[in-house]
Amino acid sequence: MAVQKLVDEYGVSTKSVTRSINDLKTFLAEFRDIVGNTERQYSYQDKCYHLYMDGFLTNKELFALVEVMIGTRAFSRMELLALTDISCKQFVGNEKIT
């Protein structure tokens, strides 16, 4: 996702978004044993970051995650549908996440 899009969407500074992205990079490096071969890469062509994951969640783990999201009751029905759709598209098959 493009940094400017995140700035606009969340109403934060570019510095805050950049710091969060760097925190994510640090997390992925420190917990490689948990998240596997996962890395954040910047695309100069797209001017945005992409997260590449190699076998991060199995279908069973994804299903459990969706169950937890439903159980928290923190999301509206429409938010749950959107989150579930996004999760399934991004995690199943272990493809590129953008």
PDB file of N, CA and C in Angstrom:
ATOM      1  N   MET A   1       0.843  -1.163   0.000  1.00  0.00           N
ATOM      2  CA  MET A   1       0.000   0.000   0.000  1.00  0.00           C
ATOM      3  C   MET A   1       0.893   1.232   0.000  1.00  0.00           C
ATOM      4  N   ALA A   2       0.491   2.252  -0.700  1.00  0.00           N
ATOM      5  CA  ALA A   2       1.283   3.469  -0.803  1.00  0.00           C
ATOM      6  C   ALA A   2       1.265   4.225   0.522  1.00  0.00           C
ATOM      7  N   VAL A   3       2.405   4.785   0.877  1.00  0.00           N
ATOM      8  CA  VAL A   3       2.532   5.522   2.132  1.00  0.00           C
ATOM      9  C   VAL A   3       1.534   6.670   2.173  1.00  0.00           C
ATOM     10  N   GLN A   4       1.425   7.427   1.090  1.00  0.00           N
ATOM     11  CA  GLN A   4       0.515   8.573   1.081  1.00  0.00           C
ATOM     12  C   GLN A   4      -0.931   8.132   1.264  1.00  0.00           C
ATOM     13  N   LYS A   5      -1.280   6.992   0.716  1.00  0.00           N
ATOM     14  CA  LYS A   5      -2.650   6.486   0.885  1.00  0.00           C
ATOM     15  C   LYS A   5      -2.916   6.175   2.360  1.00  0.00           C
ATOM     16  N   LEU A   6      -1.937   5.596   3.044  1.00  0.00           N
ATOM     17  CA  LEU A   6      -2.083   5.317   4.472  1.00  0.00           C
ATOM     18  C   LEU A   6      -2.166   6.606   5.278  1.00  0.00           C
ATOM     19  N   VAL A   7      -1.371   7.593   4.908  1.00  0.00           N
ATOM     20  CA  VAL A   7      -1.410   8.897   5.577  1.00  0.00           C
ATOM     21  C   VAL A   7      -2.810   9.497   5.455  1.00  0.00           C
ATOM     22  N   ASP A   8      -3.348   9.485   4.254  1.00  0.00           N
ATOM     23  CA  ASP A   8      -4.676  10.044   4.015  1.00  0.00           C
ATOM     24  C   ASP A   8      -5.766   9.253   4.730  1.00  0.00           C
ATOM     25  N   GLU A   9      -5.651   7.921   4.670  1.00  0.00           N
ATOM     26  CA  GLU A   9      -6.689   7.058   5.246  1.00  0.00           C
ATOM     27  C   GLU A   9      -6.746   7.154   6.769  1.00  0.00           C
ATOM     28  N   TYR A  10      -5.594   7.222   7.419  1.00  0.00           N
ATOM     29  CA  TYR A  10      -5.564   7.193   8.881  1.00  0.00           C
ATOM     30  C   TYR A  10      -5.332   8.560   9.517  1.00  0.00           C
ATOM     31  N   GLY A  11      -5.094   9.575   8.709  1.00  0.00           N
ATOM     32  CA  GLY A  11      -4.915  10.914   9.236  1.00  0.00           C
ATOM     33  C   GLY A  11      -3.700  11.063  10.130  1.00  0.00           C
ATOM     34  N   VAL A  12      -2.616  10.413   9.744  1.00  0.00           N
ATOM     35  CA  VAL A  12      -1.363  10.495  10.507  1.00  0.00           C
ATOM     36  C   VAL A  12      -0.278  11.066   9.605  1.00  0.00           C
ATOM     37  N   SER A  13       0.877  11.316  10.179  1.00  0.00           N
ATOM     38  CA  SER A  13       1.972  11.885   9.398  1.00  0.00           C
ATOM     39  C   SER A  13       2.702  10.802   8.599  1.00  0.00           C
ATOM     40  N   THR A  14       3.411  11.251   7.592  1.00  0.00           N
ATOM     41  CA  THR A  14       4.249  10.345   6.807  1.00  0.00           C
ATOM     42  C   THR A  14       5.291   9.685   7.702  1.00  0.00           C
ATOM     43  N   LYS A  15       5.803  10.444   8.645  1.00  0.00           N
ATOM     44  CA  LYS A  15       6.800   9.918   9.580  1.00  0.00           C
ATOM     45  C   LYS A  15       6.217   8.761  10.398  1.00  0.00           C
ATOM     46  N   SER A  16       4.963   8.900  10.838  1.00  0.00           N
ATOM     47  CA  SER A  16       4.312   7.830  11.616  1.00  0.00           C
ATOM     48  C   SER A  16       4.151   6.562  10.794  1.00  0.00           C
ATOM     49  N   VAL A  17       3.732   6.721   9.547  1.00  0.00           N
ATOM     50  CA  VAL A  17       3.553   5.554   8.676  1.00  0.00           C
ATOM     51  C   VAL A  17       4.899   4.886   8.421  1.00  0.00           C
ATOM     52  N   THR A  18       5.906   5.678   8.128  1.00  0.00           N
ATOM     53  CA  THR A  18       7.242   5.133   7.869  1.00  0.00           C
ATOM     54  C   THR A  18       7.776   4.405   9.098  1.00  0.00           C
ATOM     55  N   ARG A  19       7.563   4.977  10.264  1.00  0.00           N
ATOM     56  CA  ARG A  19       8.007   4.336  11.513  1.00  0.00           C
ATOM     57  C   ARG A  19       7.300   2.991  11.698  1.00  0.00           C
ATOM     58  N   SER A  20       6.000   2.960  11.440  1.00  0.00           N
ATOM     59  CA  SER A  20       5.250   1.704  11.586  1.00  0.00           C
ATOM     60  C   SER A  20       5.730   0.649  10.599  1.00  0.00           C
ATOM     61  N   ILE A  21       6.019   1.065   9.387  1.00  0.00           N
ATOM     62  CA  ILE A  21       6.520   0.124   8.383  1.00  0.00           C
ATOM     63  C   ILE A  21       7.879  -0.419   8.803  1.00  0.00           C
ATOM     64  N   ASN A  22       8.728   0.435   9.350  1.00  0.00           N
ATOM     65  CA  ASN A  22      10.032  -0.024   9.840  1.00  0.00           C
ATOM     66  C   ASN A  22       9.887  -0.942  11.049  1.00  0.00           C
ATOM     67  N   ASP A  23       8.902  -0.660  11.919  1.00  0.00           N
ATOM     68  CA  ASP A  23       8.620  -1.550  13.046  1.00  0.00           C
ATOM     69  C   ASP A  23       8.196  -2.927  12.543  1.00  0.00           C
ATOM     70  N   LEU A  24       7.403  -2.948  11.491  1.00  0.00           N
ATOM     71  CA  LEU A  24       6.981  -4.217  10.900  1.00  0.00           C
ATOM     72  C   LEU A  24       8.193  -4.985  10.379  1.00  0.00           C
ATOM     73  N   LYS A  25       9.093  -4.288   9.720  1.00  0.00           N
ATOM     74  CA  LYS A  25      10.307  -4.934   9.209  1.00  0.00           C
ATOM     75  C   LYS A  25      11.121  -5.551  10.345  1.00  0.00           C
ATOM     76  N   THR A  26      11.253  -4.808  11.444  1.00  0.00           N
ATOM     77  CA  THR A  26      11.986  -5.304  12.614  1.00  0.00           C
ATOM     78  C   THR A  26      11.293  -6.528  13.200  1.00  0.00           C
ATOM     79  N   PHE A  27       9.974  -6.455  13.324  1.00  0.00           N
ATOM     80  CA  PHE A  27       9.206  -7.583  13.855  1.00  0.00           C
ATOM     81  C   PHE A  27       9.412  -8.823  12.996  1.00  0.00           C
ATOM     82  N   LEU A  28       9.308  -8.673  11.701  1.00  0.00           N
ATOM     83  CA  LEU A  28       9.471  -9.820  10.797  1.00  0.00           C
ATOM     84  C   LEU A  28      10.863 -10.432  10.912  1.00  0.00           C
ATOM     85  N   ALA A  29      11.872  -9.596  11.114  1.00  0.00           N
ATOM     86  CA  ALA A  29      13.230 -10.104  11.259  1.00  0.00           C
ATOM     87  C   ALA A  29      13.421 -10.813  12.591  1.00  0.00           C
ATOM     88  N   GLU A  30      12.889 -10.239  13.668  1.00  0.00           N
ATOM     89  CA  GLU A  30      13.065 -10.814  15.003  1.00  0.00           C
ATOM     90  C   GLU A  30      12.286 -12.106  15.195  1.00  0.00           C
ATOM     91  N   PHE A  31      11.142 -12.232  14.536  1.00  0.00           N
ATOM     92  CA  PHE A  31      10.280 -13.391  14.745  1.00  0.00           C
ATOM     93  C   PHE A  31      10.177 -14.258  13.503  1.00  0.00           C
ATOM     94  N   ARG A  32      11.271 -14.350  12.763  1.00  0.00           N
ATOM     95  CA  ARG A  32      11.293 -15.173  11.548  1.00  0.00           C
ATOM     96  C   ARG A  32      10.927 -16.625  11.842  1.00  0.00           C
ATOM     97  N   ASP A  33      11.267 -17.101  13.041  1.00  0.00           N
ATOM     98  CA  ASP A  33      10.931 -18.485  13.399  1.00  0.00           C
ATOM     99  C   ASP A  33       9.418 -18.681  13.492  1.00  0.00           C
ATOM    100  N   ILE A  34       8.669 -17.627  13.761  1.00  0.00           N
ATOM    101  CA  ILE A  34       7.208 -17.720  13.862  1.00  0.00           C
ATOM    102  C   ILE A  34       6.548 -17.413  12.521  1.00  0.00           C
ATOM    103  N   VAL A  35       6.965 -16.323  11.872  1.00  0.00           N
ATOM    104  CA  VAL A  35       6.309 -15.878  10.641  1.00  0.00           C
ATOM    105  C   VAL A  35       6.904 -16.486   9.384  1.00  0.00           C
ATOM    106  N   GLY A  36       7.981 -17.223   9.525  1.00  0.00           N
ATOM    107  CA  GLY A  36       8.584 -17.871   8.368  1.00  0.00           C
ATOM    108  C   GLY A  36       9.271 -16.884   7.451  1.00  0.00           C
ATOM    109  N   ASN A  37       9.362 -17.247   6.206  1.00  0.00           N
ATOM    110  CA  ASN A  37      10.036 -16.410   5.225  1.00  0.00           C
ATOM    111  C   ASN A  37       9.085 -15.309   4.768  1.00  0.00           C
ATOM    112  N   THR A  38       9.017 -14.252   5.553  1.00  0.00           N
ATOM    113  CA  THR A  38       8.134 -13.124   5.279  1.00  0.00           C
ATOM    114  C   THR A  38       8.979 -11.866   5.208  1.00  0.00           C
ATOM    115  N   GLU A  39       8.768 -11.086   4.183  1.00  0.00           N
ATOM    116  CA  GLU A  39       9.546  -9.869   4.085  1.00  0.00           C
ATOM    117  C   GLU A  39       8.734  -8.736   3.471  1.00  0.00           C
ATOM    118  N   ARG A  40       9.113  -7.532   3.851  1.00  0.00           N
ATOM    119  CA  ARG A  40       8.490  -6.317   3.347  1.00  0.00           C
ATOM    120  C   ARG A  40       9.413  -5.760   2.287  1.00  0.00           C
ATOM    121  N   GLN A  41       8.851  -5.466   1.120  1.00  0.00           N
ATOM    122  CA  GLN A  41       9.661  -4.927   0.038  1.00  0.00           C
ATOM    123  C   GLN A  41       8.998  -3.685  -0.534  1.00  0.00           C
ATOM    124  N   TYR A  42       9.815  -2.707  -0.870  1.00  0.00           N
ATOM    125  CA  TYR A  42       9.294  -1.483  -1.482  1.00  0.00           C
ATOM    126  C   TYR A  42       9.404  -1.589  -2.993  1.00  0.00           C
ATOM    127  N   SER A  43       8.329  -1.269  -3.670  1.00  0.00           N
ATOM    128  CA  SER A  43       8.316  -1.270  -5.129  1.00  0.00           C
ATOM    129  C   SER A  43       8.422   0.173  -5.605  1.00  0.00           C
ATOM    130  N   TYR A  44       9.525   0.506  -6.231  1.00  0.00           N
ATOM    131  CA  TYR A  44       9.694   1.858  -6.761  1.00  0.00           C
ATOM    132  C   TYR A  44       8.744   2.102  -7.924  1.00  0.00           C
ATOM    133  N   GLN A  45       8.418   1.061  -8.645  1.00  0.00           N
ATOM    134  CA  GLN A  45       7.497   1.188  -9.774  1.00  0.00           C
ATOM    135  C   GLN A  45       6.095   1.541  -9.285  1.00  0.00           C
ATOM    136  N   ASP A  46       5.609   0.815  -8.246  1.00  0.00           N
ATOM    137  CA  ASP A  46       4.263   1.056  -7.712  1.00  0.00           C
ATOM    138  C   ASP A  46       4.241   2.148  -6.645  1.00  0.00           C
ATOM    139  N   LYS A  47       5.433   2.502  -6.137  1.00  0.00           N
ATOM    140  CA  LYS A  47       5.583   3.466  -5.051  1.00  0.00           C
ATOM    141  C   LYS A  47       4.785   3.039  -3.821  1.00  0.00           C
ATOM    142  N   CYS A  48       4.938   1.758  -3.484  1.00  0.00           N
ATOM    143  CA  CYS A  48       4.269   1.236  -2.302  1.00  0.00           C
ATOM    144  C   CYS A  48       5.015   0.007  -1.790  1.00  0.00           C
ATOM    145  N   TYR A  49       4.643  -0.415  -0.585  1.00  0.00           N
ATOM    146  CA  TYR A  49       5.247  -1.591   0.027  1.00  0.00           C
ATOM    147  C   TYR A  49       4.388  -2.812  -0.267  1.00  0.00           C
ATOM    148  N   HIS A  50       5.054  -3.944  -0.385  1.00  0.00           N
ATOM    149  CA  HIS A  50       4.381  -5.231  -0.550  1.00  0.00           C
ATOM    150  C   HIS A  50       4.916  -6.158   0.529  1.00  0.00           C
ATOM    151  N   LEU A  51       4.040  -6.969   1.065  1.00  0.00           N
ATOM    152  CA  LEU A  51       4.438  -7.956   2.054  1.00  0.00           C
ATOM    153  C   LEU A  51       4.382  -9.315   1.382  1.00  0.00           C
ATOM    154  N   TYR A  52       5.517  -9.980   1.338  1.00  0.00           N
ATOM    155  CA  TYR A  52       5.595 -11.306   0.735  1.00  0.00           C
ATOM    156  C   TYR A  52       5.670 -12.333   1.851  1.00  0.00           C
ATOM    157  N   MET A  53       4.770 -13.312   1.783  1.00  0.00           N
ATOM    158  CA  MET A  53       4.693 -14.323   2.838  1.00  0.00           C
ATOM    159  C   MET A  53       4.821 -15.707   2.219  1.00  0.00           C
ATOM    160  N   ASP A  54       5.534 -16.549   2.902  1.00  0.00           N
ATOM    161  CA  ASP A  54       5.742 -17.915   2.436  1.00  0.00           C
ATOM    162  C   ASP A  54       5.173 -18.868   3.474  1.00  0.00           C
ATOM    163  N   GLY A  55       3.938 -19.298   3.282  1.00  0.00           N
ATOM    164  CA  GLY A  55       3.331 -20.267   4.183  1.00  0.00           C
ATOM    165  C   GLY A  55       3.014 -19.723   5.561  1.00  0.00           C
ATOM    166  N   PHE A  56       2.533 -18.491   5.666  1.00  0.00           N
ATOM    167  CA  PHE A  56       2.283 -17.869   6.967  1.00  0.00           C
ATOM    168  C   PHE A  56       1.110 -18.506   7.698  1.00  0.00           C
ATOM    169  N   LEU A  57      -0.017 -18.684   7.044  1.00  0.00           N
ATOM    170  CA  LEU A  57      -1.187 -19.281   7.677  1.00  0.00           C
ATOM    171  C   LEU A  57      -1.686 -20.463   6.858  1.00  0.00           C
ATOM    172  N   THR A  58      -2.047 -21.514   7.566  1.00  0.00           N
ATOM    173  CA  THR A  58      -2.718 -22.620   6.906  1.00  0.00           C
ATOM    174  C   THR A  58      -4.204 -22.280   6.843  1.00  0.00           C
ATOM    175  N   ASN A  59      -4.959 -23.026   6.071  1.00  0.00           N
ATOM    176  CA  ASN A  59      -6.396 -22.786   6.004  1.00  0.00           C
ATOM    177  C   ASN A  59      -7.045 -22.958   7.373  1.00  0.00           C
ATOM    178  N   LYS A  60      -6.577 -23.915   8.159  1.00  0.00           N
ATOM    179  CA  LYS A  60      -7.115 -24.150   9.498  1.00  0.00           C
ATOM    180  C   LYS A  60      -6.850 -22.945  10.405  1.00  0.00           C
ATOM    181  N   GLU A  61      -5.641 -22.400  10.316  1.00  0.00           N
ATOM    182  CA  GLU A  61      -5.297 -21.224  11.117  1.00  0.00           C
ATOM    183  C   GLU A  61      -6.109 -20.002  10.686  1.00  0.00           C
ATOM    184  N   LEU A  62      -6.321 -19.859   9.373  1.00  0.00           N
ATOM    185  CA  LEU A  62      -7.134 -18.760   8.874  1.00  0.00           C
ATOM    186  C   LEU A  62      -8.558 -18.868   9.397  1.00  0.00           C
ATOM    187  N   PHE A  63      -9.116 -20.062   9.374  1.00  0.00           N
ATOM    188  CA  PHE A  63     -10.463 -20.283   9.883  1.00  0.00           C
ATOM    189  C   PHE A  63     -10.540 -19.919  11.372  1.00  0.00           C
ATOM    190  N   ALA A  64      -9.536 -20.305  12.142  1.00  0.00           N
ATOM    191  CA  ALA A  64      -9.511 -19.964  13.567  1.00  0.00           C
ATOM    192  C   ALA A  64      -9.444 -18.453  13.765  1.00  0.00           C
ATOM    193  N   LEU A  65      -8.665 -17.781  12.951  1.00  0.00           N
ATOM    194  CA  LEU A  65      -8.556 -16.326  13.038  1.00  0.00           C
ATOM    195  C   LEU A  65      -9.898 -15.661  12.751  1.00  0.00           C
ATOM    196  N   VAL A  66     -10.602 -16.129  11.734  1.00  0.00           N
ATOM    197  CA  VAL A  66     -11.921 -15.584  11.416  1.00  0.00           C
ATOM    198  C   VAL A  66     -12.884 -15.832  12.574  1.00  0.00           C
ATOM    199  N   GLU A  67     -12.830 -17.003  13.176  1.00  0.00           N
ATOM    200  CA  GLU A  67     -13.685 -17.292  14.331  1.00  0.00           C
ATOM    201  C   GLU A  67     -13.419 -16.328  15.483  1.00  0.00           C
ATOM    202  N   VAL A  68     -12.159 -16.013  15.720  1.00  0.00           N
ATOM    203  CA  VAL A  68     -11.809 -15.068  16.779  1.00  0.00           C
ATOM    204  C   VAL A  68     -12.357 -13.681  16.452  1.00  0.00           C
ATOM    205  N   MET A  69     -12.228 -13.261  15.192  1.00  0.00           N
ATOM    206  CA  MET A  69     -12.765 -11.950  14.796  1.00  0.00           C
ATOM    207  C   MET A  69     -14.265 -11.891  15.029  1.00  0.00           C
ATOM    208  N   ILE A  70     -14.968 -12.963  14.708  1.00  0.00           N
ATOM    209  CA  ILE A  70     -16.411 -13.000  14.923  1.00  0.00           C
ATOM    210  C   ILE A  70     -16.725 -12.982  16.411  1.00  0.00           C
ATOM    211  N   GLY A  71     -15.973 -13.745  17.187  1.00  0.00           N
ATOM    212  CA  GLY A  71     -16.215 -13.862  18.621  1.00  0.00           C
ATOM    213  C   GLY A  71     -15.976 -12.585  19.411  1.00  0.00           C
ATOM    214  N   THR A  72     -15.121 -11.699  18.906  1.00  0.00           N
ATOM    215  CA  THR A  72     -14.832 -10.472  19.645  1.00  0.00           C
ATOM    216  C   THR A  72     -15.989  -9.494  19.625  1.00  0.00           C
ATOM    217  N   ARG A  73     -16.843  -9.614  18.645  1.00  0.00           N
ATOM    218  CA  ARG A  73     -17.986  -8.705  18.464  1.00  0.00           C
ATOM    219  C   ARG A  73     -17.544  -7.243  18.350  1.00  0.00           C
ATOM    220  N   ALA A  74     -16.315  -7.048  17.901  1.00  0.00           N
ATOM    221  CA  ALA A  74     -15.767  -5.696  17.757  1.00  0.00           C
ATOM    222  C   ALA A  74     -16.057  -5.107  16.378  1.00  0.00           C
ATOM    223  N   PHE A  75     -16.553  -5.945  15.475  1.00  0.00           N
ATOM    224  CA  PHE A  75     -16.774  -5.502  14.107  1.00  0.00           C
ATOM    225  C   PHE A  75     -18.236  -5.654  13.724  1.00  0.00           C
ATOM    226  N   SER A  76     -18.691  -4.746  12.862  1.00  0.00           N
ATOM    227  CA  SER A  76     -20.053  -4.867  12.330  1.00  0.00           C
ATOM    228  C   SER A  76     -20.089  -6.026  11.339  1.00  0.00           C
ATOM    229  N   ARG A  77     -21.267  -6.403  10.938  1.00  0.00           N
ATOM    230  CA  ARG A  77     -21.419  -7.496   9.974  1.00  0.00           C
ATOM    231  C   ARG A  77     -20.672  -7.177   8.675  1.00  0.00           C
ATOM    232  N   MET A  78     -20.816  -5.940   8.189  1.00  0.00           N
ATOM    233  CA  MET A  78     -20.160  -5.550   6.944  1.00  0.00           C
ATOM    234  C   MET A  78     -18.638  -5.550   7.100  1.00  0.00           C
ATOM    235  N   GLU A  79     -18.136  -5.106   8.244  1.00  0.00           N
ATOM    236  CA  GLU A  79     -16.699  -5.124   8.487  1.00  0.00           C
ATOM    237  C   GLU A  79     -16.179  -6.554   8.526  1.00  0.00           C
ATOM    238  N   LEU A  80     -16.930  -7.444   9.176  1.00  0.00           N
ATOM    239  CA  LEU A  80     -16.524  -8.853   9.233  1.00  0.00           C
ATOM    240  C   LEU A  80     -16.475  -9.476   7.839  1.00  0.00           C
ATOM    241  N   LEU A  81     -17.490  -9.187   7.040  1.00  0.00           N
ATOM    242  CA  LEU A  81     -17.501  -9.722   5.675  1.00  0.00           C
ATOM    243  C   LEU A  81     -16.304  -9.209   4.880  1.00  0.00           C
ATOM    244  N   ALA A  82     -16.012  -7.930   5.017  1.00  0.00           N
ATOM    245  CA  ALA A  82     -14.872  -7.354   4.293  1.00  0.00           C
ATOM    246  C   ALA A  82     -13.560  -7.957   4.784  1.00  0.00           C
ATOM    247  N   LEU A  83     -13.388  -8.065   6.108  1.00  0.00           N
ATOM    248  CA  LEU A  83     -12.152  -8.628   6.667  1.00  0.00           C
ATOM    249  C   LEU A  83     -11.971 -10.090   6.271  1.00  0.00           C
ATOM    250  N   THR A  84     -13.045 -10.836   6.304  1.00  0.00           N
ATOM    251  CA  THR A  84     -12.983 -12.248   5.926  1.00  0.00           C
ATOM    252  C   THR A  84     -12.614 -12.392   4.456  1.00  0.00           C
ATOM    253  N   ASP A  85     -13.244 -11.586   3.624  1.00  0.00           N
ATOM    254  CA  ASP A  85     -12.949 -11.630   2.190  1.00  0.00           C
ATOM    255  C   ASP A  85     -11.495 -11.286   1.922  1.00  0.00           C
ATOM    256  N   ILE A  86     -11.020 -10.218   2.546  1.00  0.00           N
ATOM    257  CA  ILE A  86      -9.629  -9.803   2.371  1.00  0.00           C
ATOM    258  C   ILE A  86      -8.679 -10.892   2.867  1.00  0.00           C
ATOM    259  N   SER A  87      -8.976 -11.439   4.046  1.00  0.00           N
ATOM    260  CA  SER A  87      -8.109 -12.470   4.625  1.00  0.00           C
ATOM    261  C   SER A  87      -8.011 -13.680   3.717  1.00  0.00           C
ATOM    262  N   CYS A  88      -9.143 -14.125   3.219  1.00  0.00           N
ATOM    263  CA  CYS A  88      -9.141 -15.313   2.363  1.00  0.00           C
ATOM    264  C   CYS A  88      -8.376 -15.064   1.076  1.00  0.00           C
ATOM    265  N   LYS A  89      -8.559 -13.909   0.489  1.00  0.00           N
ATOM    266  CA  LYS A  89      -7.853 -13.594  -0.757  1.00  0.00           C
ATOM    267  C   LYS A  89      -6.355 -13.471  -0.539  1.00  0.00           C
ATOM    268  N   GLN A  90      -5.956 -12.936   0.617  1.00  0.00           N
ATOM    269  CA  GLN A  90      -4.550 -12.654   0.832  1.00  0.00           C
ATOM    270  C   GLN A  90      -3.771 -13.817   1.407  1.00  0.00           C
ATOM    271  N   PHE A  91      -4.395 -14.657   2.192  1.00  0.00           N
ATOM    272  CA  PHE A  91      -3.641 -15.715   2.855  1.00  0.00           C
ATOM    273  C   PHE A  91      -3.756 -17.066   2.169  1.00  0.00           C
ATOM    274  N   VAL A  92      -4.904 -17.414   1.669  1.00  0.00           N
ATOM    275  CA  VAL A  92      -5.065 -18.729   1.065  1.00  0.00           C
ATOM    276  C   VAL A  92      -4.224 -18.789  -0.202  1.00  0.00           C
ATOM    277  N   GLY A  93      -3.400 -19.783  -0.294  1.00  0.00           N
ATOM    278  CA  GLY A  93      -2.526 -19.955  -1.436  1.00  0.00           C
ATOM    279  C   GLY A  93      -1.174 -19.299  -1.247  1.00  0.00           C
ATOM    280  N   ASN A  94      -1.014 -18.578  -0.135  1.00  0.00           N
ATOM    281  CA  ASN A  94       0.274 -17.971   0.198  1.00  0.00           C
ATOM    282  C   ASN A  94       0.825 -17.132  -0.937  1.00  0.00           C
ATOM    283  N   GLU A  95      -0.031 -16.286  -1.503  1.00  0.00           N
ATOM    284  CA  GLU A  95       0.390 -15.436  -2.599  1.00  0.00           C
ATOM    285  C   GLU A  95       0.830 -14.084  -2.082  1.00  0.00           C
ATOM    286  N   LYS A  96       1.235 -13.240  -2.995  1.00  0.00           N
ATOM    287  CA  LYS A  96       1.698 -11.901  -2.666  1.00  0.00           C
ATOM    288  C   LYS A  96       0.574 -11.107  -1.991  1.00  0.00           C
ATOM    289  N   ILE A  97       0.928 -10.404  -0.951  1.00  0.00           N
ATOM    290  CA  ILE A  97      -0.019  -9.549  -0.247  1.00  0.00           C
ATOM    291  C   ILE A  97       0.341  -8.117  -0.541  1.00  0.00           C
ATOM    292  N   THR A  98      -0.612  -7.354  -1.047  1.00  0.00           N
ATOM    293  CA  THR A  98      -0.348  -5.942  -1.320  1.00  0.00           C
ATOM    294  C   THR A  98      -1.279  -5.067  -0.537  1.00  0.00           C
TER     295      THR A  98
END
